[in-house]
């Protein structure tokens, strides 16, 4: 019989790719989203995770073998504007999910996706820090099969609110209109770690099947890249002469490379170099513009 997986945040950037990945791998996929999207090509259930009773109903109905929890607020600026709703979505939403699993299908192996930004630097980081603590406590208290994944910045083809997708979309508009104006970017020399979203999802599948419960797994490419280096990669894939204006500059606050050793010990390896990801991101935006 097919293994059944529930994917929360199915309509998001990572969620869309995750639904495709697990469907193609032969899983029965149930995508949870706050809005219905027919292009997911999997069974979808419209639900906000803050709807406690409806979340319970979903897990009572489907009793999945696996759950990949991607839903929540994923924006530092939004967390400053509305910290309460960020905490509510990322912590309370996770709590309702874990309670539904505990009551309906405690054997469900679940990966909760946190963030490399969890900490105390902003309300978003605080929300993810508390989310991780909640997962650890529920795994211990109720012996649930819970794991935490902490990815770096994810990129890849598809609609994403991230910097790389913003830049790709801006370049496509330049190609269409002939606009020669400079692109405004802040902190060009600051380093970031980028990983293709498809590599991240393959890591989540490895964790669902092989990961140790109540353990946290970092996930990254193992390489830091400056935003200036990212713009240089873009330049190789467009005939437009790109110019950039740095709107602000400040040093990184202790840039940290994610340690993927535990995942590599489970035989996970990344497949997509950043150059290929960027080329395919540009191809995606050219196809829809």
Protein backbone atom coordinates (compact mmCIF):
# COMPACT_ATOMS: atom_id res chain seq x y z
CA UNK A 1 0.00 0.00 0.00
CA UNK A 2 1.07 3.56 -0.63
CA UNK A 3 2.50 5.47 2.32
CA UNK A 4 0.36 8.48 3.17
CA UNK A 5 1.84 11.90 3.96
CA UNK A 6 0.22 15.11 5.12
CA UNK A 7 2.04 18.27 4.00
CA UNK A 8 1.10 21.55 5.69
CA UNK A 9 1.71 24.85 3.92
CA UNK A 10 1.13 23.01 0.65
CA UNK A 11 0.44 26.18 -1.34
CA UNK A 12 3.76 27.79 -0.40
CA UNK A 13 7.03 27.74 -2.33
CA UNK A 14 8.48 24.72 -0.52
CA UNK A 15 5.08 23.10 -0.07
CA UNK A 16 4.34 23.11 -3.80
CA UNK A 17 7.66 21.39 -4.56
CA UNK A 18 7.13 18.96 -1.67
CA UNK A 19 3.72 17.90 -2.97
CA UNK A 20 5.20 17.24 -6.41
CA UNK A 21 8.19 15.35 -4.99
CA UNK A 22 6.23 12.98 -2.76
CA UNK A 23 3.52 12.43 -5.38
CA UNK A 24 6.17 11.48 -7.95
CA UNK A 25 7.79 9.15 -5.40
CA UNK A 26 4.54 7.21 -5.08
CA UNK A 27 3.23 8.57 -1.78
CA UNK A 28 -0.41 9.39 -1.26
CA UNK A 29 -0.24 13.12 -0.59
CA UNK A 30 -2.74 15.20 1.37
CA UNK A 31 -1.87 18.88 1.16
CA UNK A 32 -3.15 21.28 3.81
CA UNK A 33 -3.47 24.89 2.72
CA UNK A 34 -5.43 27.94 3.80
CA UNK A 35 -6.62 28.30 0.20
CA UNK A 36 -7.51 25.67 -2.40
CA UNK A 37 -5.10 25.32 -5.32
CA UNK A 38 -6.04 22.99 -8.16
CA UNK A 39 -2.54 23.05 -9.70
CA UNK A 40 -1.06 21.04 -6.81
CA UNK A 41 -2.38 17.83 -8.45
CA UNK A 42 -2.76 16.15 -5.07
CA UNK A 43 -5.66 15.85 -2.63
CA UNK A 44 -5.94 19.17 -0.81
CA UNK A 45 -7.75 20.17 2.35
CA UNK A 46 -8.47 23.83 3.04
CA UNK A 47 -7.61 24.57 6.65
CA UNK A 48 -5.86 27.15 8.81
CA UNK A 49 -3.82 25.32 11.45
CA UNK A 50 -5.31 27.64 14.06
CA UNK A 51 -8.64 25.89 13.42
CA UNK A 52 -7.99 23.36 16.16
CA UNK A 53 -11.01 21.12 15.63
CA UNK A 54 -10.56 20.96 11.88
CA UNK A 55 -6.89 20.00 12.24
CA UNK A 56 -7.94 17.16 14.54
CA UNK A 57 -10.58 16.06 12.04
CA UNK A 58 -8.01 15.87 9.23
CA UNK A 59 -5.71 13.57 11.18
CA UNK A 60 -8.60 11.45 12.44
CA UNK A 61 -9.77 11.03 8.85
CA UNK A 62 -6.49 10.32 7.06
CA UNK A 63 -4.26 8.87 9.82
CA UNK A 64 -1.06 9.49 7.82
CA UNK A 65 2.20 7.57 8.08
CA UNK A 66 4.16 10.81 7.73
CA UNK A 67 3.69 14.55 8.17
CA UNK A 68 5.85 17.37 6.81
CA UNK A 69 5.08 20.61 8.64
CA UNK A 70 5.93 23.64 6.48
CA UNK A 71 3.09 26.02 7.34
CA UNK A 72 3.55 29.25 9.26
CA UNK A 73 4.82 32.80 9.01
CA UNK A 74 8.19 32.91 7.26
CA UNK A 75 9.08 36.60 7.25
CA UNK A 76 11.31 38.64 9.53
CA UNK A 77 9.79 42.01 8.44
CA UNK A 78 6.26 40.74 9.00
CA UNK A 79 7.26 39.47 12.43
CA UNK A 80 8.35 43.00 13.42
CA UNK A 81 5.06 44.45 12.16
CA UNK A 82 2.89 41.83 13.85
CA UNK A 83 4.84 39.75 16.36
CA UNK A 84 1.75 38.32 18.04
CA UNK A 85 0.35 36.72 14.88
CA UNK A 86 3.81 35.34 14.07
CA UNK A 87 4.01 33.61 17.45
CA UNK A 88 0.42 32.45 17.07
CA UNK A 89 0.97 30.91 13.62
CA UNK A 90 4.34 29.30 14.29
CA UNK A 91 3.87 28.15 17.89
CA UNK A 92 0.15 27.72 18.46
CA UNK A 93 -0.39 26.32 14.96
CA UNK A 94 2.35 23.77 15.61
CA UNK A 95 0.85 22.90 18.99
CA UNK A 96 -2.55 22.15 17.43
CA UNK A 97 -0.84 20.01 14.80
CA UNK A 98 1.11 18.02 17.39
CA UNK A 99 -2.00 17.52 19.50
CA UNK A 100 -3.92 16.21 16.49
CA UNK A 101 -1.10 13.77 15.79
CA UNK A 102 -0.88 12.71 19.44
CA UNK A 103 -4.57 11.92 19.67
CA UNK A 104 -5.19 10.41 16.22
CA UNK A 105 -1.97 8.79 15.04
CA UNK A 106 0.95 8.97 17.53
CA UNK A 107 3.06 6.70 15.33
CA UNK A 108 3.10 9.34 12.56
CA UNK A 109 6.70 10.30 11.78
CA UNK A 110 6.76 14.10 11.53
CA UNK A 111 9.39 16.58 10.35
CA UNK A 112 8.82 20.11 11.62
CA UNK A 113 10.72 22.61 9.50
CA UNK A 114 12.23 25.40 11.58
CA UNK A 115 14.82 27.91 10.38
CA UNK A 116 18.48 28.80 10.52
CA UNK A 117 17.22 32.14 11.90
CA UNK A 118 15.71 30.69 15.09
CA UNK A 119 16.95 32.68 18.08
CA UNK A 120 16.31 36.00 19.76
CA UNK A 121 17.30 38.56 17.10
CA UNK A 122 13.71 39.21 15.93
CA UNK A 123 10.18 37.99 16.67
CA UNK A 124 10.36 35.48 13.80
CA UNK A 125 13.47 33.90 15.33
CA UNK A 126 11.79 33.81 18.73
CA UNK A 127 8.75 32.06 17.23
CA UNK A 128 10.92 29.36 15.65
CA UNK A 129 12.96 28.94 18.83
CA UNK A 130 9.79 28.32 20.83
CA UNK A 131 8.48 26.04 18.09
CA UNK A 132 11.61 23.89 18.41
CA UNK A 133 11.31 23.78 22.20
CA UNK A 134 7.66 22.75 21.92
CA UNK A 135 8.54 19.93 19.53
CA UNK A 136 11.29 18.68 21.81
CA UNK A 137 9.00 18.70 24.86
CA UNK A 138 6.09 16.95 23.09
CA UNK A 139 8.42 14.29 21.68
CA UNK A 140 9.74 13.64 25.19
CA UNK A 141 6.48 13.84 27.13
CA UNK A 142 4.33 11.82 24.73
CA UNK A 143 6.96 9.69 22.92
CA UNK A 144 6.00 11.09 19.52
CA UNK A 145 8.07 10.51 16.38
CA UNK A 146 9.07 14.17 15.91
CA UNK A 147 12.16 15.58 14.22
CA UNK A 148 13.24 19.17 13.52
CA UNK A 149 14.92 20.32 10.29
CA UNK A 150 16.70 23.69 10.17
CA UNK A 151 17.41 24.72 6.57
CA UNK A 152 19.37 27.69 5.27
CA UNK A 153 17.97 30.00 2.54
CA UNK A 154 16.10 27.91 -0.03
CA UNK A 155 16.05 28.78 -3.72
CA UNK A 156 14.74 27.17 -6.88
CA UNK A 157 12.21 27.52 -9.71
CA UNK A 158 8.78 28.70 -8.65
CA UNK A 159 7.25 31.70 -6.94
CA UNK A 160 9.24 32.61 -3.87
CA UNK A 161 9.44 35.81 -1.79
CA UNK A 162 13.20 35.40 -1.42
CA UNK A 163 16.00 37.65 -2.70
CA UNK A 164 17.09 35.35 -5.54
CA UNK A 165 13.60 35.13 -7.00
CA UNK A 166 13.15 38.89 -6.64
CA UNK A 167 16.35 39.44 -8.59
CA UNK A 168 15.37 36.94 -11.31
CA UNK A 169 11.99 38.59 -11.78
CA UNK A 170 13.60 42.04 -11.97
CA UNK A 171 16.04 40.85 -14.66
CA UNK A 172 13.24 39.33 -16.73
CA UNK A 173 11.41 42.66 -16.64
CA UNK A 174 14.59 44.37 -17.85
CA UNK A 175 14.82 41.89 -20.73
CA UNK A 176 11.24 42.62 -21.72
CA UNK A 177 11.27 46.40 -21.41
CA UNK A 178 14.90 47.29 -22.12
CA UNK A 179 15.10 49.07 -18.77
CA UNK A 180 18.77 49.88 -18.05
CA UNK A 181 18.36 51.31 -14.55
CA UNK A 182 20.42 50.02 -11.66
CA UNK A 183 18.95 47.44 -9.31
CA UNK A 184 18.90 48.53 -5.68
CA UNK A 185 20.29 45.93 -3.27
CA UNK A 186 21.51 46.25 0.30
CA UNK A 187 24.51 44.49 1.86
CA UNK A 188 26.06 43.24 -1.40
CA UNK A 189 29.15 41.89 0.35
CA UNK A 190 27.28 40.02 3.08
CA UNK A 191 27.39 36.24 2.88
CA UNK A 192 24.44 33.86 2.75
CA UNK A 193 24.08 30.12 2.45
CA UNK A 194 21.79 28.94 -0.34
CA UNK A 195 20.37 25.48 -1.02
CA UNK A 196 18.02 24.34 -3.76
CA UNK A 197 14.51 23.67 -2.43
CA UNK A 198 14.49 20.28 -4.16
CA UNK A 199 17.61 19.25 -2.26
CA UNK A 200 15.91 20.34 0.96
CA UNK A 201 12.84 18.24 0.20
CA UNK A 202 14.93 15.18 -0.56
CA UNK A 203 16.55 15.73 2.86
CA UNK A 204 13.12 15.90 4.50
CA UNK A 205 12.22 12.56 2.90
CA UNK A 206 15.43 11.03 4.26
CA UNK A 207 14.57 12.32 7.73
CA UNK A 208 11.01 11.02 7.56
CA UNK A 209 12.30 7.55 6.79
CA UNK A 210 15.64 7.38 8.59
CA UNK A 211 15.95 10.25 11.06
CA UNK A 212 16.13 9.79 14.83
CA UNK A 213 13.17 11.06 16.83
CA UNK A 214 13.61 14.15 19.00
CA UNK A 215 16.71 15.20 17.11
CA UNK A 216 17.45 18.45 15.25
CA UNK A 217 19.10 18.31 11.83
CA UNK A 218 20.77 21.32 10.21
CA UNK A 219 20.56 21.54 6.45
CA UNK A 220 22.67 23.60 4.09
CA UNK A 221 24.93 23.64 1.07
CA UNK A 222 28.12 23.95 3.10
CA UNK A 223 29.14 27.12 1.28
CA UNK A 224 28.66 30.83 1.97
CA UNK A 225 28.07 33.12 -1.02
CA UNK A 226 27.98 36.91 -1.10
CA UNK A 227 25.05 38.65 -2.76
CA UNK A 228 27.59 40.18 -5.14
CA UNK A 229 28.62 36.67 -6.20
CA UNK A 230 24.96 35.84 -6.74
CA UNK A 231 24.59 38.83 -9.08
CA UNK A 232 27.67 37.67 -11.00
CA UNK A 233 26.01 34.28 -11.57
CA UNK A 234 22.88 36.00 -12.86
CA UNK A 235 24.99 38.04 -15.28
CA UNK A 236 26.21 34.84 -16.96
CA UNK A 237 22.62 33.90 -17.87
CA UNK A 238 21.37 37.17 -19.34
CA UNK A 239 22.48 39.42 -22.19
CA UNK A 240 21.39 42.49 -20.23
CA UNK A 241 24.21 44.50 -18.67
CA UNK A 242 23.37 44.44 -14.98
CA UNK A 243 24.30 47.29 -12.68
CA UNK A 244 23.61 47.46 -8.97
CA UNK A 245 23.36 50.21 -6.40
CA UNK A 246 24.10 49.25 -2.82
CA UNK A 247 21.50 51.00 -0.68
CA UNK A 248 23.00 49.97 2.65
CA UNK A 249 26.12 48.26 3.88
CA UNK A 250 26.91 46.67 7.22
CA UNK A 251 28.98 43.68 8.31
CA UNK A 252 27.43 40.25 8.82
CA UNK A 253 26.59 39.26 12.36
CA UNK A 254 28.60 36.06 12.67
CA UNK A 255 27.53 34.25 9.48
CA UNK A 256 27.00 30.58 10.22
CA UNK A 257 27.33 27.64 7.84
CA UNK A 258 24.78 24.95 8.60
CA UNK A 259 26.29 21.63 9.66
CA UNK A 260 24.70 18.91 7.50
CA UNK A 261 26.92 16.11 8.83
CA UNK A 262 24.05 14.24 10.52
CA UNK A 263 22.07 14.23 7.28
CA UNK A 264 25.06 13.15 5.25
CA UNK A 265 25.48 10.22 7.62
CA UNK A 266 21.98 9.19 6.51
CA UNK A 267 23.22 9.17 2.88
CA UNK A 268 21.74 12.53 1.88
CA UNK A 269 23.64 14.56 -0.72
CA UNK A 270 22.73 17.75 -2.52
CA UNK A 271 22.39 17.62 -6.30
CA UNK A 272 21.80 21.18 -7.47
CA UNK A 273 24.68 23.69 -7.66
CA UNK A 274 23.64 27.29 -7.11
CA UNK A 275 24.42 28.08 -10.75
CA UNK A 276 21.89 25.49 -11.95
CA UNK A 277 19.28 26.72 -9.48
CA UNK A 278 19.67 30.31 -10.70
CA UNK A 279 19.52 29.28 -14.36
CA UNK A 280 16.29 27.37 -13.73
CA UNK A 281 14.81 30.23 -11.69
CA UNK A 282 15.36 32.55 -14.65
CA UNK A 283 13.82 29.97 -17.00
CA UNK A 284 10.76 29.76 -14.75
CA UNK A 285 10.19 33.53 -14.73
CA UNK A 286 10.77 33.76 -18.47
CA UNK A 287 8.09 31.08 -18.97
CA UNK A 288 5.42 32.99 -17.01
CA UNK A 289 6.18 36.55 -18.17
